[in-house]
Amino acid sequence: MFERITNAEPDNWLPPYYAAENLILDGFIKLDNKVVLEAQLNQTQNLLNDASAISKNNPEIMVLQVLLYTVYVANYGAANGMTLSLKIMSLYDQAEALAPNSPKAVLNKADWEMGGARYFGQDIAPFCKDVERALQLFATFKPEAKFAPSWGKERAEEILKDCK
């Protein structure tokens, strides 16, 4: 449905954003058929490219791009973990520089860092303060448009439970 809306509204970044978001979320679930997953991830990248072409330097799109990279790491860690980790941190830093009060950028960067800490057997506590900060930012966050992305608060609450 979002792809049809994308074709009908070629100057609006939100339809390709939401189409990509749905495919990314599905990518975290579909781990069995690598051929289908790879086609889905390529389609997702094309949608993110379209969204970025319409709305350049958009931190919302950057966070979604990082989540796509995270799907690649989750599914192909040995092949992509090292190379994409640098891109992921760089994009989070760019998103935070453009929008220092973006709760999604703060939350997802902390979540990524917590995952790395868990993987390497390190303490996640240093990143919990960032999750708490993200929750504070969600309390005052106002999406810039009626249909602009507003997700993340519930995820922050779930992650914070791991901190306690």
N, C-alpha and C. Protein backbone atom coordinates (compact mmCIF):
# COMPACT_ATOMS: atom_id res chain seq x y z
N MET A 1 0.82 -1.19 0.00
CA MET A 1 0.00 0.00 0.00
C MET A 1 0.88 1.27 0.00
N PHE A 2 1.92 1.28 0.84
CA PHE A 2 2.79 2.45 0.88
C PHE A 2 3.52 2.66 -0.44
N GLU A 3 3.83 1.56 -1.11
CA GLU A 3 4.50 1.70 -2.40
C GLU A 3 3.57 2.33 -3.43
N ARG A 4 2.29 2.02 -3.39
CA ARG A 4 1.32 2.67 -4.29
C ARG A 4 1.21 4.15 -3.96
N ILE A 5 1.20 4.47 -2.68
CA ILE A 5 1.13 5.88 -2.27
C ILE A 5 2.40 6.61 -2.71
N THR A 6 3.54 5.91 -2.62
CA THR A 6 4.81 6.49 -3.06
C THR A 6 4.73 6.90 -4.53
N ASN A 7 4.15 6.05 -5.35
CA ASN A 7 4.01 6.37 -6.77
C ASN A 7 3.04 7.52 -7.00
N ALA A 8 2.02 7.62 -6.16
CA ALA A 8 1.03 8.69 -6.30
C ALA A 8 1.53 10.03 -5.75
N GLU A 9 2.46 9.99 -4.79
CA GLU A 9 3.00 11.21 -4.18
C GLU A 9 4.52 11.23 -4.28
N PRO A 10 5.06 11.45 -5.46
CA PRO A 10 6.51 11.34 -5.65
C PRO A 10 7.34 12.41 -4.95
N ASP A 11 6.72 13.45 -4.42
CA ASP A 11 7.46 14.51 -3.72
C ASP A 11 7.35 14.41 -2.20
N ASN A 12 6.79 13.32 -1.70
CA ASN A 12 6.59 13.14 -0.27
C ASN A 12 7.50 12.01 0.21
N TRP A 13 8.38 12.30 1.19
CA TRP A 13 9.31 11.30 1.68
C TRP A 13 8.67 10.26 2.60
N LEU A 14 7.50 10.56 3.13
CA LEU A 14 6.89 9.66 4.11
C LEU A 14 6.44 8.32 3.53
N PRO A 15 5.81 8.27 2.35
CA PRO A 15 5.41 6.94 1.84
C PRO A 15 6.59 5.98 1.64
N PRO A 16 7.70 6.40 0.99
CA PRO A 16 8.80 5.43 0.89
C PRO A 16 9.42 5.10 2.26
N TYR A 17 9.40 6.08 3.17
CA TYR A 17 9.89 5.84 4.53
C TYR A 17 9.09 4.71 5.18
N TYR A 18 7.76 4.83 5.16
CA TYR A 18 6.94 3.82 5.81
C TYR A 18 6.99 2.47 5.10
N ALA A 19 7.10 2.48 3.78
CA ALA A 19 7.25 1.22 3.04
C ALA A 19 8.56 0.55 3.47
N ALA A 20 9.63 1.34 3.56
CA ALA A 20 10.92 0.80 3.99
C ALA A 20 10.85 0.31 5.44
N GLU A 21 10.19 1.06 6.29
CA GLU A 21 10.09 0.66 7.70
C GLU A 21 9.43 -0.71 7.83
N ASN A 22 8.35 -0.93 7.10
CA ASN A 22 7.66 -2.22 7.16
C ASN A 22 8.56 -3.35 6.70
N LEU A 23 9.31 -3.13 5.63
CA LEU A 23 10.22 -4.16 5.13
C LEU A 23 11.36 -4.42 6.11
N ILE A 24 11.84 -3.36 6.76
CA ILE A 24 12.92 -3.53 7.75
C ILE A 24 12.43 -4.36 8.92
N LEU A 25 11.27 -4.03 9.45
CA LEU A 25 10.74 -4.79 10.58
C LEU A 25 10.54 -6.25 10.19
N ASP A 26 10.08 -6.48 8.98
CA ASP A 26 9.91 -7.84 8.49
C ASP A 26 11.26 -8.54 8.35
N GLY A 27 12.30 -7.77 8.01
CA GLY A 27 13.64 -8.33 7.85
C GLY A 27 14.22 -8.88 9.14
N PHE A 28 13.78 -8.35 10.27
CA PHE A 28 14.25 -8.88 11.55
C PHE A 28 13.60 -10.23 11.86
N ILE A 29 12.48 -10.51 11.20
CA ILE A 29 11.75 -11.75 11.47
C ILE A 29 12.14 -12.84 10.48
N LYS A 30 12.23 -12.49 9.19
CA LYS A 30 12.51 -13.48 8.15
C LYS A 30 13.99 -13.82 8.11
N LEU A 31 14.34 -14.89 8.76
CA LEU A 31 15.74 -15.30 8.79
C LEU A 31 15.99 -16.57 7.99
N ASP A 32 14.95 -17.22 7.51
CA ASP A 32 15.12 -18.53 6.91
C ASP A 32 15.46 -18.49 5.41
N ASN A 33 14.80 -17.69 4.61
CA ASN A 33 15.01 -17.68 3.17
C ASN A 33 15.89 -16.50 2.78
N LYS A 34 17.17 -16.76 2.61
CA LYS A 34 18.15 -15.69 2.35
C LYS A 34 17.93 -15.03 0.99
N VAL A 35 17.45 -15.74 0.00
CA VAL A 35 17.21 -15.16 -1.33
C VAL A 35 16.09 -14.13 -1.25
N VAL A 36 15.01 -14.51 -0.60
CA VAL A 36 13.88 -13.58 -0.43
C VAL A 36 14.30 -12.40 0.43
N LEU A 37 15.04 -12.66 1.48
CA LEU A 37 15.50 -11.60 2.36
C LEU A 37 16.39 -10.61 1.61
N GLU A 38 17.31 -11.11 0.82
CA GLU A 38 18.21 -10.22 0.07
C GLU A 38 17.43 -9.34 -0.91
N ALA A 39 16.45 -9.90 -1.59
CA ALA A 39 15.62 -9.11 -2.50
C ALA A 39 14.85 -8.05 -1.73
N GLN A 40 14.36 -8.42 -0.57
CA GLN A 40 13.61 -7.49 0.28
C GLN A 40 14.52 -6.36 0.76
N LEU A 41 15.74 -6.69 1.16
CA LEU A 41 16.68 -5.67 1.63
C LEU A 41 17.08 -4.72 0.50
N ASN A 42 17.24 -5.24 -0.70
CA ASN A 42 17.54 -4.38 -1.85
C ASN A 42 16.37 -3.44 -2.15
N GLN A 43 15.16 -3.97 -2.09
CA GLN A 43 13.97 -3.14 -2.29
C GLN A 43 13.90 -2.05 -1.22
N THR A 44 14.22 -2.42 0.00
CA THR A 44 14.21 -1.46 1.10
C THR A 44 15.22 -0.34 0.86
N GLN A 45 16.41 -0.71 0.42
CA GLN A 45 17.43 0.30 0.15
C GLN A 45 16.97 1.26 -0.95
N ASN A 46 16.31 0.73 -1.96
CA ASN A 46 15.78 1.60 -3.03
C ASN A 46 14.75 2.59 -2.48
N LEU A 47 13.90 2.12 -1.59
CA LEU A 47 12.90 3.01 -0.98
C LEU A 47 13.58 4.09 -0.13
N LEU A 48 14.59 3.71 0.62
CA LEU A 48 15.32 4.69 1.43
C LEU A 48 16.06 5.69 0.55
N ASN A 49 16.59 5.21 -0.57
CA ASN A 49 17.23 6.13 -1.52
C ASN A 49 16.22 7.14 -2.05
N ASP A 50 15.01 6.67 -2.35
CA ASP A 50 13.95 7.57 -2.83
C ASP A 50 13.60 8.60 -1.76
N ALA A 51 13.42 8.14 -0.53
CA ALA A 51 13.08 9.05 0.57
C ALA A 51 14.19 10.08 0.78
N SER A 52 15.44 9.63 0.74
CA SER A 52 16.58 10.54 0.93
C SER A 52 16.71 11.55 -0.20
N ALA A 53 16.36 11.14 -1.40
CA ALA A 53 16.42 12.07 -2.53
C ALA A 53 15.39 13.19 -2.38
N ILE A 54 14.27 12.87 -1.76
CA ILE A 54 13.21 13.86 -1.55
C ILE A 54 13.52 14.74 -0.36
N SER A 55 14.04 14.15 0.71
CA SER A 55 14.31 14.87 1.95
C SER A 55 15.76 14.60 2.37
N LYS A 56 16.65 15.43 1.89
CA LYS A 56 18.08 15.23 2.15
C LYS A 56 18.42 15.56 3.61
N ASN A 57 19.41 14.86 4.14
CA ASN A 57 19.88 15.07 5.51
C ASN A 57 18.76 15.01 6.54
N ASN A 58 17.89 14.05 6.36
CA ASN A 58 16.75 13.86 7.26
C ASN A 58 17.14 12.83 8.32
N PRO A 59 17.21 13.23 9.60
CA PRO A 59 17.62 12.29 10.64
C PRO A 59 16.68 11.09 10.79
N GLU A 60 15.40 11.28 10.48
CA GLU A 60 14.46 10.15 10.56
C GLU A 60 14.85 9.07 9.55
N ILE A 61 15.20 9.50 8.35
CA ILE A 61 15.60 8.55 7.30
C ILE A 61 16.95 7.93 7.66
N MET A 62 17.83 8.71 8.25
CA MET A 62 19.14 8.17 8.67
C MET A 62 18.98 7.05 9.69
N VAL A 63 18.09 7.25 10.65
CA VAL A 63 17.86 6.22 11.66
C VAL A 63 17.31 4.96 11.00
N LEU A 64 16.42 5.13 10.04
CA LEU A 64 15.87 3.97 9.34
C LEU A 64 16.95 3.27 8.51
N GLN A 65 17.84 4.05 7.91
CA GLN A 65 18.96 3.46 7.16
C GLN A 65 19.82 2.61 8.09
N VAL A 66 20.06 3.11 9.29
CA VAL A 66 20.84 2.35 10.26
C VAL A 66 20.12 1.05 10.62
N LEU A 67 18.82 1.12 10.77
CA LEU A 67 18.08 -0.10 11.09
C LEU A 67 18.18 -1.11 9.95
N LEU A 68 18.21 -0.63 8.70
CA LEU A 68 18.42 -1.55 7.59
C LEU A 68 19.80 -2.19 7.70
N TYR A 69 20.81 -1.40 7.98
CA TYR A 69 22.15 -1.95 8.17
C TYR A 69 22.15 -2.98 9.31
N THR A 70 21.37 -2.71 10.33
CA THR A 70 21.29 -3.62 11.47
C THR A 70 20.68 -4.96 11.06
N VAL A 71 19.70 -4.92 10.15
CA VAL A 71 19.14 -6.17 9.63
C VAL A 71 20.23 -6.97 8.92
N TYR A 72 21.06 -6.27 8.14
CA TYR A 72 22.18 -6.95 7.48
C TYR A 72 23.12 -7.59 8.50
N VAL A 73 23.43 -6.87 9.57
CA VAL A 73 24.32 -7.40 10.60
C VAL A 73 23.66 -8.57 11.31
N ALA A 74 22.36 -8.45 11.61
CA ALA A 74 21.66 -9.52 12.31
C ALA A 74 21.60 -10.80 11.48
N ASN A 75 21.47 -10.65 10.16
CA ASN A 75 21.33 -11.81 9.29
C ASN A 75 22.64 -12.31 8.70
N TYR A 76 23.59 -11.41 8.53
CA TYR A 76 24.87 -11.76 7.91
C TYR A 76 26.01 -11.16 8.73
N GLY A 77 26.03 -11.44 10.01
CA GLY A 77 26.98 -10.82 10.92
C GLY A 77 28.43 -11.01 10.55
N ALA A 78 28.79 -12.22 10.17
CA ALA A 78 30.19 -12.48 9.84
C ALA A 78 30.64 -11.68 8.63
N ALA A 79 29.76 -11.49 7.68
CA ALA A 79 30.12 -10.77 6.46
C ALA A 79 30.02 -9.26 6.62
N ASN A 80 29.11 -8.78 7.46
CA ASN A 80 28.82 -7.35 7.52
C ASN A 80 29.10 -6.66 8.84
N GLY A 81 29.31 -7.42 9.89
CA GLY A 81 29.45 -6.83 11.22
C GLY A 81 30.53 -5.76 11.31
N MET A 82 31.71 -6.06 10.84
CA MET A 82 32.83 -5.12 10.95
C MET A 82 32.63 -3.88 10.08
N THR A 83 32.27 -4.09 8.82
CA THR A 83 32.18 -2.94 7.91
C THR A 83 30.97 -2.06 8.20
N LEU A 84 29.85 -2.67 8.51
CA LEU A 84 28.65 -1.86 8.74
C LEU A 84 28.64 -1.20 10.12
N SER A 85 29.35 -1.75 11.08
CA SER A 85 29.39 -1.13 12.41
C SER A 85 29.89 0.31 12.34
N LEU A 86 30.91 0.54 11.54
CA LEU A 86 31.43 1.90 11.39
C LEU A 86 30.41 2.82 10.71
N LYS A 87 29.73 2.31 9.70
CA LYS A 87 28.70 3.10 9.02
C LYS A 87 27.54 3.41 9.97
N ILE A 88 27.18 2.42 10.76
CA ILE A 88 26.08 2.59 11.70
C ILE A 88 26.39 3.71 12.69
N MET A 89 27.55 3.66 13.30
CA MET A 89 27.91 4.69 14.28
C MET A 89 28.03 6.06 13.62
N SER A 90 28.56 6.10 12.42
CA SER A 90 28.70 7.36 11.69
C SER A 90 27.33 7.97 11.40
N LEU A 91 26.39 7.15 10.96
CA LEU A 91 25.04 7.67 10.67
C LEU A 91 24.33 8.12 11.94
N TYR A 92 24.50 7.37 13.02
CA TYR A 92 23.90 7.82 14.28
C TYR A 92 24.48 9.17 14.70
N ASP A 93 25.79 9.32 14.56
CA ASP A 93 26.42 10.60 14.90
C ASP A 93 25.90 11.73 14.01
N GLN A 94 25.72 11.46 12.72
CA GLN A 94 25.18 12.47 11.81
C GLN A 94 23.75 12.84 12.19
N ALA A 95 22.93 11.84 12.48
CA ALA A 95 21.54 12.09 12.86
C ALA A 95 21.47 12.91 14.14
N GLU A 96 22.32 12.58 15.12
CA GLU A 96 22.33 13.34 16.37
C GLU A 96 22.85 14.76 16.17
N ALA A 97 23.80 14.93 15.26
CA ALA A 97 24.31 16.28 14.98
C ALA A 97 23.23 17.15 14.33
N LEU A 98 22.45 16.54 13.44
CA LEU A 98 21.37 17.29 12.77
C LEU A 98 20.19 17.55 13.70
N ALA A 99 19.92 16.59 14.58
CA ALA A 99 18.77 16.69 15.48
C ALA A 99 19.17 16.17 16.86
N PRO A 100 19.87 17.01 17.64
CA PRO A 100 20.38 16.53 18.94
C PRO A 100 19.30 16.06 19.90
N ASN A 101 18.07 16.49 19.69
CA ASN A 101 16.98 16.08 20.56
C ASN A 101 16.07 15.05 19.92
N SER A 102 16.59 14.33 18.95
CA SER A 102 15.82 13.27 18.31
C SER A 102 15.80 12.04 19.22
N PRO A 103 14.64 11.73 19.77
CA PRO A 103 14.61 10.57 20.67
C PRO A 103 14.95 9.26 19.96
N LYS A 104 14.60 9.14 18.68
CA LYS A 104 14.88 7.91 17.95
C LYS A 104 16.38 7.73 17.73
N ALA A 105 17.07 8.80 17.42
CA ALA A 105 18.52 8.70 17.21
C ALA A 105 19.22 8.32 18.52
N VAL A 106 18.84 8.98 19.61
CA VAL A 106 19.45 8.69 20.91
C VAL A 106 19.15 7.25 21.34
N LEU A 107 17.89 6.86 21.22
CA LEU A 107 17.48 5.52 21.64
C LEU A 107 18.15 4.43 20.82
N ASN A 108 18.08 4.55 19.52
CA ASN A 108 18.59 3.48 18.67
C ASN A 108 20.11 3.37 18.73
N LYS A 109 20.79 4.50 18.91
CA LYS A 109 22.24 4.44 19.08
C LYS A 109 22.56 3.70 20.39
N ALA A 110 21.84 4.02 21.46
CA ALA A 110 22.06 3.33 22.73
C ALA A 110 21.75 1.84 22.61
N ASP A 111 20.68 1.51 21.91
CA ASP A 111 20.31 0.11 21.71
C ASP A 111 21.40 -0.63 20.94
N TRP A 112 21.94 0.00 19.89
CA TRP A 112 23.03 -0.61 19.13
C TRP A 112 24.25 -0.84 20.02
N GLU A 113 24.60 0.18 20.81
CA GLU A 113 25.76 0.07 21.69
C GLU A 113 25.55 -0.99 22.77
N MET A 114 24.32 -1.11 23.25
CA MET A 114 24.02 -2.14 24.24
C MET A 114 24.17 -3.53 23.62
N GLY A 115 23.73 -3.67 22.37
CA GLY A 115 23.89 -4.95 21.68
C GLY A 115 25.36 -5.31 21.54
N GLY A 116 26.17 -4.33 21.20
CA GLY A 116 27.61 -4.57 21.10
C GLY A 116 28.21 -4.95 22.44
N ALA A 117 27.79 -4.26 23.48
CA ALA A 117 28.30 -4.57 24.82
C ALA A 117 27.92 -6.00 25.21
N ARG A 118 26.68 -6.39 24.94
CA ARG A 118 26.26 -7.76 25.26
C ARG A 118 27.09 -8.78 24.47
N TYR A 119 27.28 -8.49 23.19
CA TYR A 119 28.02 -9.42 22.33
C TYR A 119 29.44 -9.65 22.85
N PHE A 120 30.05 -8.57 23.34
CA PHE A 120 31.43 -8.67 23.82
C PHE A 120 31.51 -8.90 25.32
N GLY A 121 30.38 -9.20 25.98
CA GLY A 121 30.37 -9.52 27.40
C GLY A 121 30.64 -8.33 28.30
N GLN A 122 30.29 -7.14 27.84
CA GLN A 122 30.51 -5.93 28.63
C GLN A 122 29.22 -5.46 29.29
N ASP A 123 29.36 -4.56 30.22
CA ASP A 123 28.24 -4.01 30.97
C ASP A 123 27.43 -3.06 30.09
N ILE A 124 26.10 -3.18 30.15
CA ILE A 124 25.23 -2.29 29.38
C ILE A 124 24.87 -1.02 30.15
N ALA A 125 25.19 -0.97 31.42
CA ALA A 125 24.79 0.15 32.28
C ALA A 125 25.18 1.53 31.73
N PRO A 126 26.36 1.69 31.13
CA PRO A 126 26.71 3.03 30.63
C PRO A 126 25.74 3.57 29.57
N PHE A 127 25.02 2.68 28.91
CA PHE A 127 24.12 3.11 27.84
C PHE A 127 22.69 3.33 28.34
N CYS A 128 22.43 2.88 29.55
CA CYS A 128 21.09 3.03 30.11
C CYS A 128 20.71 4.51 30.30
N LYS A 129 21.70 5.33 30.62
CA LYS A 129 21.42 6.76 30.79
C LYS A 129 20.94 7.37 29.47
N ASP A 130 21.43 6.85 28.35
CA ASP A 130 20.99 7.34 27.05
C ASP A 130 19.56 6.90 26.76
N VAL A 131 19.20 5.71 27.18
CA VAL A 131 17.83 5.24 27.02
C VAL A 131 16.90 6.10 27.87
N GLU A 132 17.33 6.42 29.10
CA GLU A 132 16.53 7.31 29.96
C GLU A 132 16.39 8.68 29.32
N ARG A 133 17.47 9.19 28.73
CA ARG A 133 17.41 10.48 28.03
C ARG A 133 16.45 10.42 26.86
N ALA A 134 16.47 9.33 26.12
CA ALA A 134 15.55 9.17 24.99
C ALA A 134 14.11 9.21 25.48
N LEU A 135 13.83 8.55 26.60
CA LEU A 135 12.47 8.59 27.14
C LEU A 135 12.06 10.01 27.52
N GLN A 136 12.99 10.77 28.08
CA GLN A 136 12.70 12.17 28.40
C GLN A 136 12.43 12.96 27.12
N LEU A 137 13.18 12.68 26.07
CA LEU A 137 12.98 13.37 24.79
C LEU A 137 11.64 12.98 24.17
N PHE A 138 11.25 11.72 24.31
CA PHE A 138 9.94 11.30 23.79
C PHE A 138 8.81 12.06 24.47
N ALA A 139 8.99 12.41 25.74
CA ALA A 139 7.94 13.12 26.49
C ALA A 139 7.64 14.48 25.88
N THR A 140 8.63 15.09 25.25
CA THR A 140 8.42 16.43 24.67
C THR A 140 8.47 16.43 23.15
N PHE A 141 8.67 15.26 22.55
CA PHE A 141 8.82 15.15 21.10
C PHE A 141 7.50 15.45 20.38
N LYS A 142 7.59 16.31 19.39
CA LYS A 142 6.44 16.63 18.55
C LYS A 142 6.83 16.35 17.10
N PRO A 143 6.18 15.37 16.46
CA PRO A 143 6.49 15.13 15.05
C PRO A 143 6.27 16.39 14.23
N GLU A 144 7.10 16.56 13.21
CA GLU A 144 7.06 17.79 12.42
C GLU A 144 5.84 17.90 11.52
N ALA A 145 5.18 16.80 11.24
CA ALA A 145 3.99 16.82 10.38
C ALA A 145 3.00 15.79 10.90
N LYS A 146 1.79 15.87 10.40
CA LYS A 146 0.72 15.00 10.89
C LYS A 146 1.08 13.51 10.82
N PHE A 147 1.67 13.08 9.74
CA PHE A 147 1.97 11.66 9.57
C PHE A 147 3.46 11.34 9.76
N ALA A 148 4.21 12.27 10.31
CA ALA A 148 5.64 12.04 10.53
C ALA A 148 5.84 10.92 11.56
N PRO A 149 6.93 10.21 11.46
CA PRO A 149 7.18 9.09 12.37
C PRO A 149 7.20 9.52 13.83
N SER A 150 6.54 8.74 14.67
CA SER A 150 6.51 9.04 16.10
C SER A 150 6.78 7.79 16.94
N TRP A 151 7.26 6.74 16.31
CA TRP A 151 7.51 5.48 17.00
C TRP A 151 8.72 5.57 17.92
N GLY A 152 8.80 4.61 18.85
CA GLY A 152 10.00 4.45 19.64
C GLY A 152 9.84 4.48 21.15
N LYS A 153 8.84 5.17 21.64
CA LYS A 153 8.71 5.31 23.09
C LYS A 153 8.53 3.95 23.78
N GLU A 154 7.68 3.11 23.20
CA GLU A 154 7.44 1.80 23.80
C GLU A 154 8.72 0.95 23.78
N ARG A 155 9.48 1.08 22.72
CA ARG A 155 10.75 0.34 22.63
C ARG A 155 11.71 0.82 23.72
N ALA A 156 11.75 2.13 23.94
CA ALA A 156 12.62 2.69 24.99
C ALA A 156 12.21 2.14 26.36
N GLU A 157 10.93 2.05 26.60
CA GLU A 157 10.45 1.52 27.88
C GLU A 157 10.86 0.05 28.06
N GLU A 158 10.79 -0.72 26.97
CA GLU A 158 11.19 -2.12 27.03
C GLU A 158 12.69 -2.26 27.29
N ILE A 159 13.48 -1.45 26.60
CA ILE A 159 14.93 -1.51 26.77
C ILE A 159 15.31 -1.11 28.19
N LEU A 160 14.63 -0.11 28.72
CA LEU A 160 14.93 0.36 30.07
C LEU A 160 14.69 -0.72 31.11
N LYS A 161 13.74 -1.63 30.86
CA LYS A 161 13.51 -2.74 31.77
C LYS A 161 14.76 -3.60 31.91
N ASP A 162 15.51 -3.75 30.79
CA ASP A 162 16.76 -4.53 30.85
C ASP A 162 17.80 -3.84 31.72
N CYS A 163 17.69 -2.52 31.83
CA CYS A 163 18.65 -1.76 32.63
C CYS A 163 18.40 -1.94 34.12
N LYS A 164 17.21 -2.28 34.47
CA LYS A 164 16.86 -2.40 35.89
C LYS A 164 17.00 -3.81 36.28
